[in-house]
Protein backbone atom coordinates (compact mmCIF):
# COMPACT_ATOMS: atom_id res chain seq x y z
CA MET A 1 178.17 -50.32 -28.57
CA ARG A 2 174.57 -50.01 -29.76
CA SER A 3 173.21 -50.84 -26.34
CA LEU A 4 175.44 -48.14 -24.83
CA ILE A 5 174.10 -45.57 -27.29
CA PHE A 6 170.55 -46.70 -26.56
CA LEU A 7 171.16 -46.38 -22.81
CA LEU A 8 172.62 -42.87 -23.15
CA VAL A 9 169.77 -41.67 -25.37
CA SER A 10 167.23 -43.17 -22.98
CA LEU A 11 168.87 -41.43 -20.01
CA LEU A 12 169.03 -38.12 -21.85
CA VAL A 13 165.34 -38.33 -22.75
CA ILE A 14 164.03 -39.67 -19.42
CA GLN A 15 166.12 -37.58 -17.00
CA PRO A 16 164.78 -34.16 -18.11
CA LEU A 17 161.26 -35.56 -18.03
CA ALA A 18 161.71 -36.76 -14.47
CA LEU A 19 162.98 -33.37 -13.37
CA ALA A 20 160.37 -31.43 -15.33
CA GLN A 21 157.41 -33.28 -13.82
CA GLU A 22 156.92 -31.32 -10.65
CA VAL A 23 153.17 -31.53 -11.06
CA GLU A 24 151.52 -34.92 -11.08
CA PRO A 25 149.84 -35.61 -14.44
CA ILE A 26 146.07 -35.53 -14.01
CA ILE A 27 143.48 -36.92 -16.41
CA THR A 28 139.89 -35.95 -15.68
CA ASP A 29 136.70 -36.91 -17.44
CA ILE A 30 134.20 -34.18 -18.09
CA ILE A 31 130.63 -34.36 -19.23
CA GLU A 32 128.95 -32.13 -21.78
CA GLY A 33 127.64 -29.06 -20.13
CA GLN A 34 130.46 -28.80 -17.62
CA THR A 35 132.48 -25.83 -18.78
CA ALA A 36 133.34 -27.78 -21.93
CA PRO A 37 131.32 -27.98 -25.13
CA PHE A 38 131.72 -31.78 -25.51
CA SER A 39 132.24 -34.98 -23.57
CA GLY A 40 135.79 -36.24 -23.46
CA THR A 41 138.97 -36.36 -21.42
CA LEU A 42 140.68 -33.36 -19.94
CA LEU A 43 144.49 -33.44 -19.67
CA ASN A 44 146.64 -31.03 -17.76
CA PRO A 45 149.92 -29.82 -19.35
CA SER A 46 152.02 -32.38 -17.41
CA ALA A 47 149.91 -35.29 -18.74
CA VAL A 48 150.20 -33.98 -22.30
CA ALA A 49 153.96 -33.54 -21.89
CA GLN A 50 154.28 -37.07 -20.54
CA MET A 51 152.33 -38.53 -23.46
CA LEU A 52 154.39 -36.59 -25.98
CA ALA A 53 157.64 -37.58 -24.28
CA GLU A 54 156.64 -41.26 -24.24
CA LYS A 55 155.73 -41.08 -27.91
CA GLU A 56 159.05 -39.44 -28.76
CA ALA A 57 160.98 -41.95 -26.64
CA SER A 58 159.16 -44.82 -28.35
CA GLU A 59 160.00 -43.42 -31.78
CA THR A 60 163.66 -42.97 -30.78
CA GLU A 61 163.79 -46.51 -29.39
CA CYS A 62 162.23 -47.86 -32.57
CA GLU A 63 164.72 -45.98 -34.74
CA LEU A 64 167.61 -47.29 -32.63
CA ARG A 65 166.32 -50.86 -32.88
CA ILE A 66 165.98 -50.53 -36.65
CA GLU A 67 169.48 -49.02 -36.93
CA TYR A 68 170.88 -51.83 -34.74
CA ALA A 69 169.18 -54.50 -36.87
CA GLU A 70 170.43 -52.86 -40.09
CA ASP A 71 173.98 -52.60 -38.74
CA ARG A 72 173.90 -56.21 -37.61
CA GLN A 73 172.65 -57.43 -41.00
CA THR A 74 175.25 -55.29 -42.76
CA ALA A 75 177.99 -56.76 -40.58
CA MET A 76 176.76 -60.29 -41.28
CA CYS A 77 176.64 -59.63 -45.03
CA ASP A 78 180.11 -58.09 -44.93
CA LEU A 79 181.37 -61.17 -43.08
CA VAL A 80 179.89 -63.50 -45.69
CA VAL A 81 181.28 -61.41 -48.56
CA ASP A 82 184.74 -61.17 -46.97
CA SER A 83 184.77 -64.91 -46.22
CA THR A 84 183.72 -65.74 -49.77
CA THR A 85 186.31 -63.35 -51.19
CA ALA A 86 189.07 -64.91 -49.07
CA SER A 87 187.97 -68.40 -50.15
CA LEU A 88 187.96 -67.33 -53.79
CA GLU A 89 191.44 -65.82 -53.50
CA ALA A 90 192.76 -69.01 -51.86
CA LEU A 91 191.23 -71.18 -54.58
CA GLN A 92 192.60 -68.89 -57.29
CA GLU A 93 196.08 -69.13 -55.76
CA ARG A 94 195.79 -72.92 -55.61
CA TYR A 95 194.66 -73.05 -59.23
CA ASN A 96 197.57 -70.85 -60.34
CA THR A 97 200.05 -73.05 -58.43
CA ILE A 98 198.65 -76.22 -60.01
CA MET A 99 198.79 -74.64 -63.48
CA ASP A 100 202.44 -73.61 -62.94
CA ILE A 101 203.36 -77.15 -61.87
CA LYS A 102 201.52 -78.56 -64.89
CA ASP A 103 203.31 -76.19 -67.27
CA GLN A 104 206.70 -77.07 -65.76
CA GLU A 105 205.98 -80.79 -66.17
CA ILE A 106 204.95 -80.28 -69.81
CA GLU A 107 208.20 -78.38 -70.47
CA ARG A 108 210.26 -81.11 -68.77
CA LEU A 109 208.59 -83.89 -70.78
CA THR A 110 208.98 -81.89 -73.99
CA GLU A 111 212.72 -81.51 -73.36
CA ILE A 112 213.01 -85.26 -72.72
CA ALA A 113 211.16 -86.00 -75.97
CA ILE A 114 213.40 -83.58 -77.94
CA GLU A 115 216.54 -85.14 -76.46
CA ALA A 116 215.25 -88.61 -77.37
CA ASP A 117 214.92 -87.49 -81.01
CA HIS A 118 218.53 -86.28 -81.03
CA ARG A 119 219.79 -89.68 -79.83
CA ASP A 120 218.98 -91.47 -83.10
CA PHE A 121 221.31 -94.46 -83.34
CA SER A 122 219.96 -95.88 -86.62
CA THR A 123 223.11 -94.98 -88.60
CA VAL A 124 225.26 -96.55 -85.90
CA TRP A 125 223.20 -99.73 -86.03
CA PHE A 126 223.36 -99.80 -89.85
CA THR A 127 227.12 -99.26 -89.89
CA GLY A 128 227.60 -101.85 -87.14
CA GLY A 129 225.45 -104.33 -89.08
CA VAL A 130 227.38 -103.83 -92.32
CA ILE A 131 230.75 -104.22 -90.56
CA LEU A 132 229.52 -107.30 -88.68
CA GLY A 133 228.14 -108.77 -91.93
CA VAL A 134 231.40 -108.18 -93.78
CA ALA A 135 233.40 -109.61 -90.87
CA THR A 136 231.16 -112.66 -90.70
CA THR A 137 231.45 -113.21 -94.45
CA ILE A 138 235.26 -112.99 -94.30
CA ALA A 139 235.33 -115.32 -91.28
CA ILE A 140 233.13 -117.87 -93.04
CA ALA A 141 235.19 -117.65 -96.22
CA PHE A 142 238.39 -118.07 -94.24
CA ALA A 143 236.87 -121.03 -92.36
CA ILE A 144 235.82 -122.68 -95.65
CA ASN A 145 239.32 -122.20 -97.09
CA GLU A 146 240.87 -123.73 -94.00
CA ILE A 147 238.61 -126.75 -94.07
CA GLU A 148 239.41 -127.69 -97.66
């Protein structure tokens, strides 16, 4: 997309210049004393226009390159941020799932422990022991009476 914009801008800048240059740019050296008050370079209007157009085209190209580089870096940073955000959300979901499973297991084990406390058979064992003891004593007494 950026290269397409660059191409269109380049064509829009270069095409009018190509059509406008009917006169060949001429650069002529002059020496002091020749109808000029100093030594230097004489440029006709076409040469000046070409230099200005090249300068403007270079500035536009530079701005487009900078904009392209900025957009590319922004896109890369956005990609990294989005990727990190997605990874964080996935890890958070995993953490929440693990915590839910852990809480359910704690509740299940707590219910088992509470039920184990309700199944206290100590009175049954005591009563069974007393009855067995009394029965054994009666059986032994009966056996002793039968032996004599």
